[in-house]
Each structure stands twice: as C-alpha cells, then as structure tokens.
Amino acid sequence: MDGKILLFGILLMFFMSSTTLDSYPTLQNNIEVIHVSTYVDENRIMHVFGELKNIGNKSVTNVTIGATFFDSEGKIINEYQRSAELRTINPGFVSPFEILFTDQKNVNKIKDFKLNANGTEARTQPVDLQIKIDSSRQDILGFYYINGVIFNSGPTSANNSIAIATLYDMDGRVIAIGRGLAEPKDISSNSGASFGLAIVDKLQTPKGDRYSVVADSDEYVSKPTITKEK
C-alpha cells in the first residue's frame, strides 16, 4: 500500500436520543471530523452531514467517509459510505460530506453511529480558482438558490468545474449541501464560467444561518467564499 494514508478508525461516536445530534470534533491521524449533524427527511432517509478538515501537512485525495449505525443493544443495523465533496483536500482545507442511511424500515432503531475515513496521499491542488457570489434566494417551497461565477487563473484549463455550497445552522453545524456544475464545466485559462446551484433539503434551509461556497475541478480548487448571513 505504497503511498496510502490510512485515515480509518473510530473517529466519532454519537449517542442518539433524537434525530438531531451535537457535533464533537475528534482527531484521527490527519483528519478532523467537525460540525456534524443529522436529520430524517420526509421519506424516512437519515442524512448525516459534517466536514473533514485536513490538519496534516500533505494533501489527501479519494477520501471516503463511512458510517456504522447501531441499535440500542449495540448491534450493527447497517453501514454506508460516501465520497468527500472535494476531490483533493489540501492541508488546512475543509470538505463537506453527506452520508445517507436509506434503510427506511430501521431508521427509528438507530441509537448511535461511528464514522471512519480513508484516503490516499496526493500532490497539493493549486489554489487557482476564485469564486464570486452574484445572488442567492430562497423560494416559497424552501429551496435555496445560489448563483455566481468561477474564475480560473491557472495556466491550463480547469476541467469538470463545480461549485459546492455548505449550509450551516446557528451553532456552526453543517445542515445541508448543494452542488452545481459550471457552464461550461471546462474553464479555459484566465476565463470565467457561471454556475447555479440549489440546496434542496427544504426541511433544513429555514434553519440556515450562513453558507460557504467552494469551487473544485480536476486541476484546481478555490478557497471558500463565506457568507455570514443566509
């Protein structure tokens, strides 16, 4: 496993008395898991949100975050995993994540869960994307829309460019995520491309206090643009 950073292990364990959890940052090797929250939507699917912060001195790519869910007797109900939103997490950078518990028949049996993460060491992603927010609004259905521009100041094209929005509540916990491709998705050097995205967790958007947006591509990444008030 040459070049492999093992980030797995028990990172967080949550004891659940309701569908909303407090978040407790815990360190495991070079990853800090922070700002975790959960909720169950109208389709009885549980969403586990949070952020992965790279506190090491090397970048990590292909990061996956998994959750093992337990009942009141400590028995495993199910396990799920998803990829981190950012393709590469540079040192000091943060990537949001969302895990879905889709076992609708057993969602009410969950009493706690454990999170684990793993990834591969990678070269640092150049910070050659900039993101500008032009407008944002919430419609009568609860969907929250964000529009803006991604600018590529790098020497080559930024391919498969995407904007990723993270919505936070008043306590700083991640409560929803939205994604939108740039148009065009491949942004040539010293050019810009528009994006539009929607945060569609309509049970969550009314709880939002602020949001951040980051641009990501195969070649480059941006620093997040943070808006203090939704």
Protein backbone atom coordinates (compact mmCIF):
# COMPACT_ATOMS: atom_id res chain seq x y z
CA MET A 1 0.00 0.00 0.00
CA ASP A 2 2.74 2.38 -1.00
CA GLY A 3 1.62 5.99 -0.83
CA LYS A 4 -1.55 5.09 1.06
CA ILE A 5 -2.54 7.12 4.12
CA LEU A 6 -4.78 5.12 6.39
CA LEU A 7 -7.18 7.54 8.00
CA PHE A 8 -9.65 4.93 9.09
CA GLY A 9 -10.64 4.17 12.64
CA ILE A 10 -13.31 5.24 15.03
CA LEU A 11 -13.43 8.97 14.51
CA LEU A 12 -16.72 9.88 16.10
CA MET A 13 -19.33 8.05 18.09
CA PHE A 14 -22.74 9.62 18.63
CA PHE A 15 -25.36 8.59 21.14
CA MET A 16 -28.75 9.48 19.82
CA SER A 17 -31.84 10.48 21.74
CA SER A 18 -33.37 12.27 18.76
CA THR A 19 -32.67 12.85 15.09
CA THR A 20 -30.57 15.95 15.80
CA LEU A 21 -27.10 15.49 17.26
CA ASP A 22 -24.46 17.73 18.73
CA SER A 23 -21.10 17.58 16.97
CA TYR A 24 -17.88 16.77 18.80
CA PRO A 25 -14.63 17.31 16.89
CA THR A 26 -12.29 14.33 17.20
CA LEU A 27 -8.81 13.86 15.77
CA GLN A 28 -7.71 10.71 13.95
CA ASN A 29 -4.31 10.86 12.21
CA ASN A 30 -4.53 13.79 9.75
CA ILE A 31 -8.30 14.24 9.58
CA GLU A 32 -10.55 16.18 11.92
CA VAL A 33 -14.28 15.47 11.69
CA ILE A 34 -16.26 18.57 12.67
CA HIS A 35 -19.66 20.26 12.55
CA VAL A 36 -21.69 17.03 12.35
CA SER A 37 -25.49 16.97 12.36
CA THR A 38 -28.26 14.59 11.30
CA TYR A 39 -31.89 14.73 10.31
CA VAL A 40 -34.53 12.36 8.92
CA ASP A 41 -36.37 13.63 5.85
CA GLU A 42 -39.99 13.10 4.82
CA ASN A 43 -39.02 9.87 3.04
CA ARG A 44 -37.54 8.43 6.27
CA ILE A 45 -33.97 8.70 4.99
CA MET A 46 -31.41 9.87 7.55
CA HIS A 47 -28.83 12.41 6.39
CA VAL A 48 -25.50 12.66 8.24
CA PHE A 49 -23.71 15.92 7.43
CA GLY A 50 -20.32 17.21 8.51
CA GLU A 51 -16.90 18.40 7.41
CA LEU A 52 -13.50 16.76 7.08
CA LYS A 53 -10.57 19.04 7.87
CA ASN A 54 -7.05 18.11 6.77
CA ILE A 55 -4.84 19.01 9.74
CA GLY A 56 -1.78 17.26 8.31
CA ASN A 57 0.94 18.65 6.05
CA LYS A 58 0.13 16.53 2.98
CA SER A 59 -2.86 16.59 0.66
CA VAL A 60 -5.27 13.66 0.56
CA THR A 61 -7.40 12.51 -2.38
CA ASN A 62 -10.14 9.96 -2.99
CA VAL A 63 -11.34 10.47 0.57
CA THR A 64 -14.33 8.38 1.64
CA ILE A 65 -16.30 8.74 4.85
CA GLY A 66 -18.26 5.80 6.21
CA ALA A 67 -20.79 5.35 9.00
CA THR A 68 -21.72 2.27 11.01
CA PHE A 69 -25.13 2.52 12.66
CA PHE A 70 -26.08 0.69 15.89
CA ASP A 71 -29.28 -0.09 17.74
CA SER A 72 -29.89 0.24 21.49
CA GLU A 73 -28.20 -3.12 22.13
CA GLY A 74 -25.05 -2.16 20.26
CA LYS A 75 -25.84 -4.37 17.27
CA ILE A 76 -24.97 -3.14 13.78
CA ILE A 77 -28.03 -2.10 11.81
CA ASN A 78 -26.29 -1.11 8.59
CA GLU A 79 -23.22 0.57 7.10
CA TYR A 80 -23.00 3.26 4.43
CA GLN A 81 -20.23 5.37 2.90
CA ARG A 82 -19.86 8.32 0.54
CA SER A 83 -17.03 10.30 -1.01
CA ALA A 84 -15.98 13.67 0.37
CA GLU A 85 -17.24 16.53 -1.79
CA LEU A 86 -13.75 17.83 -2.65
CA ARG A 87 -11.67 15.61 -4.93
CA THR A 88 -8.49 16.55 -3.04
CA ILE A 89 -8.30 18.07 0.45
CA ASN A 90 -5.23 20.27 0.80
CA PRO A 91 -3.59 20.86 4.21
CA GLY A 92 -5.77 23.23 6.19
CA PHE A 93 -8.71 22.82 3.81
CA VAL A 94 -12.16 21.51 4.70
CA SER A 95 -14.51 19.34 2.63
CA PRO A 96 -18.18 18.83 3.43
CA PHE A 97 -19.70 15.37 3.35
CA GLU A 98 -23.12 13.76 3.43
CA ILE A 99 -23.93 10.12 4.24
CA LEU A 100 -27.39 8.71 3.58
CA PHE A 101 -28.97 5.98 5.72
CA THR A 102 -31.51 4.58 3.26
CA ASP A 103 -32.80 1.63 5.32
CA GLN A 104 -36.19 3.22 5.92
CA LYS A 105 -37.61 0.33 7.93
CA ASN A 106 -34.86 0.56 10.55
CA VAL A 107 -34.20 4.30 10.79
CA ASN A 108 -36.08 4.58 14.10
CA LYS A 109 -33.89 1.88 15.64
CA ILE A 110 -30.68 3.93 15.37
CA LYS A 111 -29.24 4.89 18.76
CA ASP A 112 -25.67 5.78 17.81
CA PHE A 113 -23.17 5.56 14.97
CA LYS A 114 -19.44 5.62 14.29
CA LEU A 115 -17.65 7.44 11.48
CA ASN A 116 -14.48 6.40 9.71
CA ALA A 117 -12.49 7.89 6.82
CA ASN A 118 -9.71 6.87 4.48
CA GLY A 119 -7.86 8.37 1.55
CA THR A 120 -4.67 8.44 -0.49
CA GLU A 121 -1.75 10.85 -0.27
CA ALA A 122 -1.66 13.24 -3.24
CA ARG A 123 0.03 16.32 -4.60
CA THR A 124 -1.32 19.64 -3.38
CA GLN A 125 -4.09 21.01 -5.58
CA PRO A 126 -3.17 24.53 -6.82
CA VAL A 127 -5.49 27.23 -5.48
CA ASP A 128 -6.09 28.84 -8.88
CA LEU A 129 -9.87 29.11 -8.83
CA GLN A 130 -11.76 32.10 -7.44
CA ILE A 131 -15.47 32.15 -6.74
CA LYS A 132 -17.83 35.13 -6.70
CA ILE A 133 -21.43 35.00 -5.45
CA ASP A 134 -23.81 37.11 -7.54
CA SER A 135 -27.13 36.31 -5.91
CA SER A 136 -28.93 33.95 -3.54
CA ARG A 137 -32.56 33.45 -2.60
CA GLN A 138 -34.99 31.02 -1.00
CA ASP A 139 -38.24 30.24 -2.82
CA ILE A 140 -41.66 29.53 -1.33
CA LEU A 141 -41.01 25.76 -1.44
CA GLY A 142 -37.91 26.10 0.73
CA PHE A 143 -35.31 25.52 -1.97
CA TYR A 144 -32.29 27.82 -1.67
CA TYR A 145 -30.61 29.01 -4.88
CA ILE A 146 -27.10 30.41 -5.23
CA ASN A 147 -25.68 31.86 -8.46
CA GLY A 148 -22.20 33.12 -9.21
CA VAL A 149 -19.05 32.87 -11.29
CA ILE A 150 -15.96 30.64 -11.07
CA PHE A 151 -12.78 32.23 -12.45
CA ASN A 152 -9.75 30.18 -13.48
CA SER A 153 -6.44 32.00 -13.05
CA GLY A 154 -4.38 28.85 -13.61
CA PRO A 155 -2.13 28.25 -16.64
CA THR A 156 -4.31 25.43 -18.04
CA SER A 157 -7.98 24.56 -18.34
CA ALA A 158 -9.96 23.72 -15.19
CA ASN A 159 -11.95 20.67 -16.20
CA ASN A 160 -15.21 19.39 -14.68
CA SER A 161 -15.52 22.52 -12.56
CA ILE A 162 -18.19 22.52 -9.87
CA ALA A 163 -19.43 24.82 -7.10
CA ILE A 164 -20.23 23.23 -3.72
CA ALA A 165 -22.31 25.06 -1.13
CA THR A 166 -22.39 24.19 2.58
CA LEU A 167 -25.24 25.48 4.73
CA TYR A 168 -24.65 25.95 8.49
CA ASP A 169 -27.02 26.47 11.39
CA MET A 170 -26.58 28.99 14.21
CA ASP A 171 -24.28 26.57 16.05
CA GLY A 172 -21.98 26.16 13.04
CA ARG A 173 -23.13 22.63 12.20
CA VAL A 174 -23.47 21.51 8.59
CA ILE A 175 -27.17 21.02 7.84
CA ALA A 176 -27.32 20.80 4.02
CA ILE A 177 -25.17 20.71 0.90
CA GLY A 178 -25.81 21.90 -2.67
CA ARG A 179 -23.84 21.30 -5.87
CA GLY A 180 -23.82 22.84 -9.35
CA LEU A 181 -21.65 22.44 -12.44
CA ALA A 182 -20.05 25.46 -14.05
CA GLU A 183 -21.34 26.37 -17.51
CA PRO A 184 -19.18 25.48 -19.38
CA LYS A 185 -17.76 22.90 -16.99
CA ASP A 186 -14.29 23.12 -18.59
CA ILE A 187 -12.99 26.65 -17.91
CA SER A 188 -10.04 27.79 -20.02
CA SER A 189 -7.12 29.68 -18.51
CA ASN A 190 -7.86 33.26 -17.41
CA SER A 191 -11.57 32.80 -18.06
CA GLY A 192 -14.75 32.57 -16.04
CA ALA A 193 -17.88 30.43 -16.08
CA SER A 194 -21.25 30.90 -14.45
CA PHE A 195 -22.81 28.42 -12.05
CA GLY A 196 -26.17 27.94 -10.44
CA LEU A 197 -26.96 25.51 -7.65
CA ALA A 198 -29.85 24.62 -5.40
CA ILE A 199 -29.91 23.42 -1.80
CA VAL A 200 -33.00 21.22 -1.90
CA ASP A 201 -33.24 20.00 1.72
CA LYS A 202 -36.32 22.13 2.31
CA LEU A 203 -36.68 20.95 5.93
CA GLN A 204 -33.18 22.28 6.59
CA THR A 205 -32.97 25.58 4.72
CA PRO A 206 -35.15 27.52 7.21
CA LYS A 207 -32.58 26.64 9.91
CA GLY A 208 -29.70 28.10 7.91
CA ASP A 209 -27.66 30.93 9.40
CA ARG A 210 -24.84 31.23 6.85
CA TYR A 211 -23.28 29.36 3.97
CA SER A 212 -19.96 28.88 2.20
CA VAL A 213 -19.23 28.06 -1.44
CA VAL A 214 -16.06 26.46 -2.79
CA ALA A 215 -15.07 25.73 -6.40
CA ASP A 216 -13.39 22.47 -7.33
CA SER A 217 -12.05 20.95 -10.56
CA ASP A 218 -9.78 18.16 -11.74
CA GLU A 219 -6.80 20.53 -11.75
CA TYR A 220 -7.50 23.36 -9.28
CA VAL A 221 -9.50 24.34 -6.22
CA SER A 222 -10.59 27.62 -4.62
CA LYS A 223 -10.64 28.95 -1.11
CA PRO A 224 -14.23 29.01 0.20
CA THR A 225 -16.32 32.15 -0.07
CA ILE A 226 -18.23 32.53 3.20
CA THR A 227 -21.46 34.46 3.53
CA LYS A 228 -22.25 35.30 7.14
CA GLU A 229 -26.00 35.57 6.72
CA LYS A 230 -28.23 33.42 4.54
